[in-house]
Amino acid sequence: MSFKETDISPEMAQKIGMEFANEVWGKRFQVVVTTHLNTKHLHCHFVVNSISFVDGKHLWGEEKAWFKFRKVADRICEKYGLYYDPNPNRSKQSEYLTMKEKAGMPTRYSVAKEAIDYAIDHSKTLKEFQFALKEMGYAYNLSPSRKYWTVIPKGYDKPIRLKNLGADYTNDRIVERIKENRDRWAEIEPFQRATYKPRQYRMQTRGQKLKKKGGLYGLYLYYCYRLGYLPSIRNRITQGFIIF
């Protein structure tokens, strides 16, 4: 519990902290209340024994409900004439998750954000985007009639509204990002298809080979070949060239 006023005394801060602890936990749990003076604003810390001295049961339910604590603290501060915000702008994401993300620790929100970015980067249509999410184990509701699109990470039951991940994750912005991705891919020239160009290899005929013998004997063999006196060769190649 932190106090905005700079003129509040440590004794008053401790008194308010004690009253708060008694109302929230005092009937069933032991609580240590301390007031710290080491920052610009005075603030109270609470250390609660989570095992009840009344029935031995564990701290549970409304005794851990921070939204209830805020209402109790506001009412007590108003009683002593201290400042409180009657219309707080409550974040959609808890302070605990925010601290984890700042510390570089993964949360289901940060992991979902990375998955959405990956799916968009590998999609040219909304259908491909849905397929990419499904491949990563995400359930989703991306109906055009739905005001807020949601995804459910694998292993969780509660859906995440994509708009809560940031301005780039609203319904319209996701569609725009997929279109931008598609347009960017269209600017890239596709690879040219490999063309097949046949090559010709001229093969020597039997007559040409005989003619190369040279001399009188070569001339004799050549004319014997032309007159058909030489024996035939099996699997004779009748063409003058072959194509691969």
C-alpha atoms as a PDB file:
ATOM      1  CA  MET A   1       0.000   0.000   0.000  1.00  0.00           C
ATOM      2  CA  SER A   2       1.567   3.293  -1.149  1.00  0.00           C
ATOM      3  CA  PHE A   3       0.559   6.859  -0.209  1.00  0.00           C
ATOM      4  CA  LYS A   4       0.650   9.708  -2.695  1.00  0.00           C
ATOM      5  CA  GLU A   5       0.758  12.495  -0.096  1.00  0.00           C
ATOM      6  CA  THR A   6       4.210  13.678   0.975  1.00  0.00           C
ATOM      7  CA  ASP A   7       3.002  15.256   4.231  1.00  0.00           C
ATOM      8  CA  ILE A   8       1.568  12.059   5.766  1.00  0.00           C
ATOM      9  CA  SER A   9       3.379  10.934   8.914  1.00  0.00           C
ATOM     10  CA  PRO A  10       4.860   7.438   9.296  1.00  0.00           C
ATOM     11  CA  GLU A  11       2.575   6.924  12.296  1.00  0.00           C
ATOM     12  CA  MET A  12      -0.541   7.662  10.211  1.00  0.00           C
ATOM     13  CA  ALA A  13       0.690   5.375   7.414  1.00  0.00           C
ATOM     14  CA  GLN A  14       1.271   2.583   9.940  1.00  0.00           C
ATOM     15  CA  LYS A  15      -2.185   3.129  11.479  1.00  0.00           C
ATOM     16  CA  ILE A  16      -3.876   2.877   8.062  1.00  0.00           C
ATOM     17  CA  GLY A  17      -1.835  -0.223   7.216  1.00  0.00           C
ATOM     18  CA  MET A  18      -2.853  -1.884  10.486  1.00  0.00           C
ATOM     19  CA  GLU A  19      -6.536  -1.106   9.896  1.00  0.00           C
ATOM     20  CA  PHE A  20      -6.309  -2.494   6.392  1.00  0.00           C
ATOM     21  CA  ALA A  21      -4.614  -5.718   7.588  1.00  0.00           C
ATOM     22  CA  ASN A  22      -7.166  -6.245  10.358  1.00  0.00           C
ATOM     23  CA  GLU A  23     -10.113  -5.882   7.964  1.00  0.00           C
ATOM     24  CA  VAL A  24      -8.686  -8.126   5.231  1.00  0.00           C
ATOM     25  CA  TRP A  25      -6.880 -10.871   7.206  1.00  0.00           C
ATOM     26  CA  GLY A  26      -7.101 -10.157  10.917  1.00  0.00           C
ATOM     27  CA  LYS A  27      -9.958 -12.508  11.786  1.00  0.00           C
ATOM     28  CA  ARG A  28      -8.148 -15.676  10.647  1.00  0.00           C
ATOM     29  CA  PHE A  29      -4.485 -14.970   9.856  1.00  0.00           C
ATOM     30  CA  GLN A  30      -1.427 -13.515  11.544  1.00  0.00           C
ATOM     31  CA  VAL A  31      -0.032 -10.431   9.751  1.00  0.00           C
ATOM     32  CA  VAL A  32       3.133  -8.353  10.156  1.00  0.00           C
ATOM     33  CA  VAL A  33       2.676  -4.724   9.009  1.00  0.00           C
ATOM     34  CA  THR A  34       5.696  -2.482   8.342  1.00  0.00           C
ATOM     35  CA  THR A  35       5.932   1.079   7.022  1.00  0.00           C
ATOM     36  CA  HIS A  36       8.934   1.829   4.822  1.00  0.00           C
ATOM     37  CA  LEU A  37      10.482   5.290   4.587  1.00  0.00           C
ATOM     38  CA  ASN A  38      13.146   4.555   1.957  1.00  0.00           C
ATOM     39  CA  THR A  39      11.306   5.971  -1.069  1.00  0.00           C
ATOM     40  CA  LYS A  40       9.716   9.277  -2.032  1.00  0.00           C
ATOM     41  CA  HIS A  41       6.292   8.032  -0.931  1.00  0.00           C
ATOM     42  CA  LEU A  42       5.618   6.160   2.300  1.00  0.00           C
ATOM     43  CA  HIS A  43       4.351   2.634   1.768  1.00  0.00           C
ATOM     44  CA  CYS A  44       3.311  -0.356   3.832  1.00  0.00           C
ATOM     45  CA  HIS A  45       4.342  -3.987   3.415  1.00  0.00           C
ATOM     46  CA  PHE A  46       2.372  -6.966   4.664  1.00  0.00           C
ATOM     47  CA  VAL A  47       3.718 -10.408   5.573  1.00  0.00           C
ATOM     48  CA  VAL A  48       0.863 -12.888   6.014  1.00  0.00           C
ATOM     49  CA  ASN A  49       1.041 -16.319   7.627  1.00  0.00           C
ATOM     50  CA  SER A  50      -0.886 -18.289   4.996  1.00  0.00           C
ATOM     51  CA  ILE A  51      -2.083 -20.929   7.510  1.00  0.00           C
ATOM     52  CA  SER A  52      -5.075 -19.808   9.576  1.00  0.00           C
ATOM     53  CA  PHE A  53      -4.672 -19.793  13.369  1.00  0.00           C
ATOM     54  CA  VAL A  54      -8.451 -20.447  13.616  1.00  0.00           C
ATOM     55  CA  ASP A  55      -9.002 -23.579  11.517  1.00  0.00           C
ATOM     56  CA  GLY A  56      -5.577 -24.433  10.002  1.00  0.00           C
ATOM     57  CA  LYS A  57      -6.826 -23.852   6.494  1.00  0.00           C
ATOM     58  CA  HIS A  58      -4.753 -22.221   3.781  1.00  0.00           C
ATOM     59  CA  LEU A  59      -5.160 -18.644   2.567  1.00  0.00           C
ATOM     60  CA  TRP A  60      -7.694 -18.773  -0.240  1.00  0.00           C
ATOM     61  CA  GLY A  61     -10.455 -17.030  -2.181  1.00  0.00           C
ATOM     62  CA  GLU A  62     -11.220 -13.401  -1.356  1.00  0.00           C
ATOM     63  CA  GLU A  63      -8.321 -13.341   1.090  1.00  0.00           C
ATOM     64  CA  LYS A  64      -6.044 -13.297  -1.997  1.00  0.00           C
ATOM     65  CA  ALA A  65      -8.276 -11.137  -4.218  1.00  0.00           C
ATOM     66  CA  TRP A  66      -6.359  -7.978  -5.056  1.00  0.00           C
ATOM     67  CA  PHE A  67      -9.384  -6.308  -6.630  1.00  0.00           C
ATOM     68  CA  LYS A  68     -11.082  -6.484  -3.183  1.00  0.00           C
ATOM     69  CA  PHE A  69      -7.957  -5.095  -1.488  1.00  0.00           C
ATOM     70  CA  ARG A  70      -8.089  -2.014  -3.698  1.00  0.00           C
ATOM     71  CA  LYS A  71     -11.663  -1.258  -2.634  1.00  0.00           C
ATOM     72  CA  VAL A  72     -10.836  -1.675   1.064  1.00  0.00           C
ATOM     73  CA  ALA A  73      -7.735   0.550   0.780  1.00  0.00           C
ATOM     74  CA  ASP A  74      -9.683   3.254  -1.094  1.00  0.00           C
ATOM     75  CA  ARG A  75     -12.417   3.285   1.555  1.00  0.00           C
ATOM     76  CA  ILE A  76      -9.935   3.591   4.445  1.00  0.00           C
ATOM     77  CA  CYS A  77      -7.953   6.342   2.692  1.00  0.00           C
ATOM     78  CA  GLU A  78     -11.164   8.258   2.031  1.00  0.00           C
ATOM     79  CA  LYS A  79     -12.054   7.914   5.729  1.00  0.00           C
ATOM     80  CA  TYR A  80      -8.794   9.690   6.713  1.00  0.00           C
ATOM     81  CA  GLY A  81      -9.087  12.318   3.978  1.00  0.00           C
ATOM     82  CA  LEU A  82      -6.269  10.932   1.850  1.00  0.00           C
ATOM     83  CA  TYR A  83      -6.098  10.894  -1.946  1.00  0.00           C
ATOM     84  CA  TYR A  84      -7.446   7.932  -3.907  1.00  0.00           C
ATOM     85  CA  ASP A  85      -8.466   7.530  -7.534  1.00  0.00           C
ATOM     86  CA  PRO A  86     -12.199   6.731  -7.767  1.00  0.00           C
ATOM     87  CA  ASN A  87     -11.888   5.818 -11.455  1.00  0.00           C
ATOM     88  CA  PRO A  88      -8.534   4.049 -11.868  1.00  0.00           C
ATOM     89  CA  ASN A  89      -7.380   3.095 -15.337  1.00  0.00           C
ATOM     90  CA  ARG A  90      -6.818  -0.555 -14.570  1.00  0.00           C
ATOM     91  CA  SER A  91      -4.454  -2.360 -16.889  1.00  0.00           C
ATOM     92  CA  LYS A  92      -5.722  -5.415 -18.706  1.00  0.00           C
ATOM     93  CA  GLN A  93      -2.462  -7.113 -17.805  1.00  0.00           C
ATOM     94  CA  SER A  94      -1.509  -7.729 -14.202  1.00  0.00           C
ATOM     95  CA  GLU A  95       1.495  -6.044 -12.613  1.00  0.00           C
ATOM     96  CA  TYR A  96       2.960  -9.483 -11.990  1.00  0.00           C
ATOM     97  CA  LEU A  97       2.974 -10.329 -15.713  1.00  0.00           C
ATOM     98  CA  THR A  98       4.374  -6.914 -16.573  1.00  0.00           C
ATOM     99  CA  MET A  99       7.264  -7.450 -14.149  1.00  0.00           C
ATOM    100  CA  LYS A 100       7.966 -10.890 -15.606  1.00  0.00           C
ATOM    101  CA  GLU A 101       8.115  -9.485 -19.140  1.00  0.00           C
ATOM    102  CA  LYS A 102      10.426  -6.662 -18.064  1.00  0.00           C
ATOM    103  CA  ALA A 103      12.696  -9.266 -16.485  1.00  0.00           C
ATOM    104  CA  GLY A 104      12.785 -11.159 -19.795  1.00  0.00           C
ATOM    105  CA  MET A 105      10.765 -14.079 -18.451  1.00  0.00           C
ATOM    106  CA  PRO A 106       8.214 -15.667 -20.804  1.00  0.00           C
ATOM    107  CA  THR A 107       4.504 -15.316 -20.084  1.00  0.00           C
ATOM    108  CA  ARG A 108       1.558 -16.702 -21.999  1.00  0.00           C
ATOM    109  CA  TYR A 109       1.036 -13.187 -23.384  1.00  0.00           C
ATOM    110  CA  SER A 110       4.616 -12.735 -24.603  1.00  0.00           C
ATOM    111  CA  VAL A 111       4.691 -16.253 -26.064  1.00  0.00           C
ATOM    112  CA  ALA A 112       1.349 -15.666 -27.820  1.00  0.00           C
ATOM    113  CA  LYS A 113       2.680 -12.380 -29.187  1.00  0.00           C
ATOM    114  CA  GLU A 114       5.692 -14.128 -30.732  1.00  0.00           C
ATOM    115  CA  ALA A 115       3.421 -16.815 -32.197  1.00  0.00           C
ATOM    116  CA  ILE A 116       1.118 -14.200 -33.776  1.00  0.00           C
ATOM    117  CA  ASP A 117       4.109 -12.375 -35.303  1.00  0.00           C
ATOM    118  CA  TYR A 118       5.480 -15.637 -36.704  1.00  0.00           C
ATOM    119  CA  ALA A 119       2.103 -16.632 -38.160  1.00  0.00           C
ATOM    120  CA  ILE A 120       1.658 -13.241 -39.828  1.00  0.00           C
ATOM    121  CA  ASP A 121       5.187 -13.246 -41.273  1.00  0.00           C
ATOM    122  CA  HIS A 122       4.523 -16.634 -42.882  1.00  0.00           C
ATOM    123  CA  SER A 123       1.046 -15.901 -44.246  1.00  0.00           C
ATOM    124  CA  LYS A 124      -0.362 -14.176 -47.305  1.00  0.00           C
ATOM    125  CA  THR A 125      -4.016 -14.781 -46.452  1.00  0.00           C
ATOM    126  CA  LEU A 126      -6.118 -15.052 -43.316  1.00  0.00           C
ATOM    127  CA  LYS A 127      -6.602 -18.749 -44.052  1.00  0.00           C
ATOM    128  CA  GLU A 128      -2.831 -19.299 -44.052  1.00  0.00           C
ATOM    129  CA  PHE A 129      -2.629 -17.306 -40.802  1.00  0.00           C
ATOM    130  CA  GLN A 130      -5.183 -19.632 -39.193  1.00  0.00           C
ATOM    131  CA  PHE A 131      -3.319 -22.690 -40.467  1.00  0.00           C
ATOM    132  CA  ALA A 132      -0.029 -21.399 -38.996  1.00  0.00           C
ATOM    133  CA  LEU A 133      -1.682 -20.889 -35.602  1.00  0.00           C
ATOM    134  CA  LYS A 134      -3.170 -24.376 -35.721  1.00  0.00           C
ATOM    135  CA  GLU A 135       0.232 -25.869 -36.549  1.00  0.00           C
ATOM    136  CA  MET A 136       1.664 -24.227 -33.424  1.00  0.00           C
ATOM    137  CA  GLY A 137      -1.092 -25.729 -31.267  1.00  0.00           C
ATOM    138  CA  TYR A 138      -3.240 -22.618 -30.848  1.00  0.00           C
ATOM    139  CA  ALA A 139      -7.028 -22.651 -30.781  1.00  0.00           C
ATOM    140  CA  TYR A 140      -8.524 -19.453 -32.173  1.00  0.00           C
ATOM    141  CA  ASN A 141     -11.709 -17.541 -32.888  1.00  0.00           C
ATOM    142  CA  LEU A 142     -11.130 -15.190 -35.832  1.00  0.00           C
ATOM    143  CA  SER A 143     -14.710 -14.866 -36.987  1.00  0.00           C
ATOM    144  CA  PRO A 144     -15.355 -11.667 -39.036  1.00  0.00           C
ATOM    145  CA  SER A 145     -18.449 -11.030 -36.925  1.00  0.00           C
ATOM    146  CA  ARG A 146     -16.486 -11.201 -33.652  1.00  0.00           C
ATOM    147  CA  LYS A 147     -15.581  -7.835 -32.138  1.00  0.00           C
ATOM    148  CA  TYR A 148     -12.358  -9.082 -30.559  1.00  0.00           C
ATOM    149  CA  TRP A 149     -10.375 -12.005 -31.987  1.00  0.00           C
ATOM    150  CA  THR A 150      -9.015 -14.468 -29.450  1.00  0.00           C
ATOM    151  CA  VAL A 151      -6.465 -17.278 -29.253  1.00  0.00           C
ATOM    152  CA  ILE A 152      -5.956 -19.989 -26.652  1.00  0.00           C
ATOM    153  CA  PRO A 153      -2.369 -21.245 -26.216  1.00  0.00           C
ATOM    154  CA  LYS A 154      -1.811 -24.968 -25.928  1.00  0.00           C
ATOM    155  CA  GLY A 155      -2.223 -26.106 -22.327  1.00  0.00           C
ATOM    156  CA  TYR A 156      -4.486 -23.192 -21.335  1.00  0.00           C
ATOM    157  CA  ASP A 157      -8.258 -22.816 -21.096  1.00  0.00           C
ATOM    158  CA  LYS A 158      -8.666 -19.050 -20.880  1.00  0.00           C
ATOM    159  CA  PRO A 159      -8.598 -17.179 -24.226  1.00  0.00           C
ATOM    160  CA  ILE A 160      -6.421 -14.142 -24.880  1.00  0.00           C
ATOM    161  CA  ARG A 161      -7.921 -11.133 -26.638  1.00  0.00           C
ATOM    162  CA  LEU A 162      -5.417 -10.210 -29.314  1.00  0.00           C
ATOM    163  CA  LYS A 163      -6.132  -6.505 -28.967  1.00  0.00           C
ATOM    164  CA  ASN A 164      -4.696  -6.694 -25.433  1.00  0.00           C
ATOM    165  CA  LEU A 165      -1.278  -7.580 -26.910  1.00  0.00           C
ATOM    166  CA  GLY A 166      -0.892  -4.097 -28.394  1.00  0.00           C
ATOM    167  CA  ALA A 167      -1.980  -1.757 -31.170  1.00  0.00           C
ATOM    168  CA  ASP A 168      -0.571  -4.075 -33.867  1.00  0.00           C
ATOM    169  CA  TYR A 169      -2.849  -6.958 -32.813  1.00  0.00           C
ATOM    170  CA  THR A 170      -6.371  -5.614 -33.322  1.00  0.00           C
ATOM    171  CA  ASN A 171      -8.581  -7.358 -35.902  1.00  0.00           C
ATOM    172  CA  ASP A 172      -8.099  -4.665 -38.540  1.00  0.00           C
ATOM    173  CA  ARG A 173      -4.368  -4.297 -37.923  1.00  0.00           C
ATOM    174  CA  ILE A 174      -3.730  -8.043 -38.258  1.00  0.00           C
ATOM    175  CA  VAL A 175      -5.554  -8.054 -41.614  1.00  0.00           C
ATOM    176  CA  GLU A 176      -3.476  -5.036 -42.704  1.00  0.00           C
ATOM    177  CA  ARG A 177      -0.223  -6.708 -41.680  1.00  0.00           C
ATOM    178  CA  ILE A 178      -1.094  -9.849 -43.641  1.00  0.00           C
ATOM    179  CA  LYS A 179      -1.897  -7.700 -46.695  1.00  0.00           C
ATOM    180  CA  GLU A 180       1.382  -5.795 -46.312  1.00  0.00           C
ATOM    181  CA  ASN A 181       3.160  -9.128 -46.104  1.00  0.00           C
ATOM    182  CA  ARG A 182       1.404 -10.359 -49.253  1.00  0.00           C
ATOM    183  CA  ASP A 183       2.275  -7.149 -51.152  1.00  0.00           C
ATOM    184  CA  ARG A 184       5.906  -7.412 -50.054  1.00  0.00           C
ATOM    185  CA  TRP A 185       6.145 -10.968 -51.350  1.00  0.00           C
ATOM    186  CA  ALA A 186       4.563  -9.934 -54.656  1.00  0.00           C
ATOM    187  CA  GLU A 187       7.429  -7.471 -55.251  1.00  0.00           C
ATOM    188  CA  ILE A 188       9.967 -10.295 -55.143  1.00  0.00           C
ATOM    189  CA  GLU A 189      10.567 -11.730 -58.631  1.00  0.00           C
ATOM    190  CA  PRO A 190      10.094 -15.487 -58.685  1.00  0.00           C
ATOM    191  CA  PHE A 191      13.006 -17.723 -59.634  1.00  0.00           C
ATOM    192  CA  GLN A 192      13.234 -18.412 -63.361  1.00  0.00           C
ATOM    193  CA  ARG A 193      12.376 -21.936 -64.301  1.00  0.00           C
ATOM    194  CA  ALA A 194      15.246 -24.011 -65.578  1.00  0.00           C
ATOM    195  CA  THR A 195      15.131 -24.342 -69.367  1.00  0.00           C
ATOM    196  CA  TYR A 196      16.247 -27.484 -71.153  1.00  0.00           C
ATOM    197  CA  LYS A 197      18.405 -26.940 -74.191  1.00  0.00           C
ATOM    198  CA  PRO A 198      19.204 -30.098 -76.133  1.00  0.00           C
ATOM    199  CA  ARG A 199      22.819 -30.611 -77.140  1.00  0.00           C
ATOM    200  CA  GLN A 200      23.868 -32.428 -80.278  1.00  0.00           C
ATOM    201  CA  TYR A 201      26.872 -34.739 -80.492  1.00  0.00           C
ATOM    202  CA  ARG A 202      27.932 -35.783 -83.958  1.00  0.00           C
ATOM    203  CA  MET A 203      28.965 -39.452 -84.041  1.00  0.00           C
ATOM    204  CA  GLN A 204      31.345 -40.857 -86.591  1.00  0.00           C
ATOM    205  CA  THR A 205      29.902 -43.360 -89.043  1.00  0.00           C
ATOM    206  CA  ARG A 206      31.635 -46.646 -89.779  1.00  0.00           C
ATOM    207  CA  GLY A 207      32.701 -45.321 -93.144  1.00  0.00           C
ATOM    208  CA  GLN A 208      34.360 -42.277 -91.624  1.00  0.00           C
ATOM    209  CA  LYS A 209      36.252 -44.452 -89.159  1.00  0.00           C
ATOM    210  CA  LEU A 210      37.476 -46.737 -91.956  1.00  0.00           C
ATOM    211  CA  LYS A 211      38.525 -43.790 -94.075  1.00  0.00           C
ATOM    212  CA  LYS A 212      40.773 -42.599 -91.242  1.00  0.00           C
ATOM    213  CA  LYS A 213      42.871 -45.745 -91.541  1.00  0.00           C
ATOM    214  CA  GLY A 214      44.797 -43.963 -94.253  1.00  0.00           C
ATOM    215  CA  GLY A 215      46.924 -45.368 -96.998  1.00  0.00           C
ATOM    216  CA  LEU A 216      45.980 -47.872 -99.616  1.00  0.00           C
ATOM    217  CA  TYR A 217      44.575 -50.311 -97.055  1.00  0.00           C
ATOM    218  CA  GLY A 218      42.297 -47.676 -95.612  1.00  0.00           C
ATOM    219  CA  LEU A 219      41.054 -46.751 -99.063  1.00  0.00           C
ATOM    220  CA  TYR A 220      40.410 -50.440 -99.775  1.00  0.00           C
ATOM    221  CA  LEU A 221      38.349 -50.895 -96.599  1.00  0.00           C
ATOM    222  CA  TYR A 222      36.374 -47.732 -97.323  1.00  0.00           C
ATOM    223  CA  TYR A 223      35.277 -48.904-100.775  1.00  0.00           C
ATOM    224  CA  CYS A 224      34.526 -52.401 -99.471  1.00  0.00           C
ATOM    225  CA  TYR A 225      32.243 -50.711 -96.902  1.00  0.00           C
ATOM    226  CA  ARG A 226      30.544 -48.601 -99.582  1.00  0.00           C
ATOM    227  CA  LEU A 227      29.999 -51.619-101.823  1.00  0.00           C
ATOM    228  CA  GLY A 228      28.563 -53.630 -98.926  1.00  0.00           C
ATOM    229  CA  TYR A 229      31.271 -56.300 -98.858  1.00  0.00           C
ATOM    230  CA  LEU A 230      32.040 -55.835 -95.161  1.00  0.00           C
ATOM    231  CA  PRO A 231      29.918 -57.827 -92.643  1.00  0.00           C
ATOM    232  CA  SER A 232      27.098 -55.891 -90.925  1.00  0.00           C
ATOM    233  CA  ILE A 233      27.371 -54.733 -87.259  1.00  0.00           C
ATOM    234  CA  ARG A 234      24.645 -55.484 -84.723  1.00  0.00           C
ATOM    235  CA  ASN A 235      22.777 -52.494 -83.276  1.00  0.00           C
ATOM    236  CA  ARG A 236      24.086 -50.340 -86.107  1.00  0.00           C
ATOM    237  CA  ILE A 237      23.638 -46.589 -85.470  1.00  0.00           C
ATOM    238  CA  THR A 238      21.898 -45.296 -88.544  1.00  0.00           C
ATOM    239  CA  GLN A 239      21.811 -41.621 -87.523  1.00  0.00           C
ATOM    240  CA  GLY A 240      24.731 -39.302 -87.959  1.00  0.00           C
ATOM    241  CA  PHE A 241      24.200 -37.636 -84.509  1.00  0.00           C
ATOM    242  CA  ILE A 242      22.594 -38.342 -81.190  1.00  0.00           C
ATOM    243  CA  ILE A 243      20.636 -35.914 -78.963  1.00  0.00           C
ATOM    244  CA  PHE A 244      20.690 -35.829 -75.136  1.00  0.00           C
END
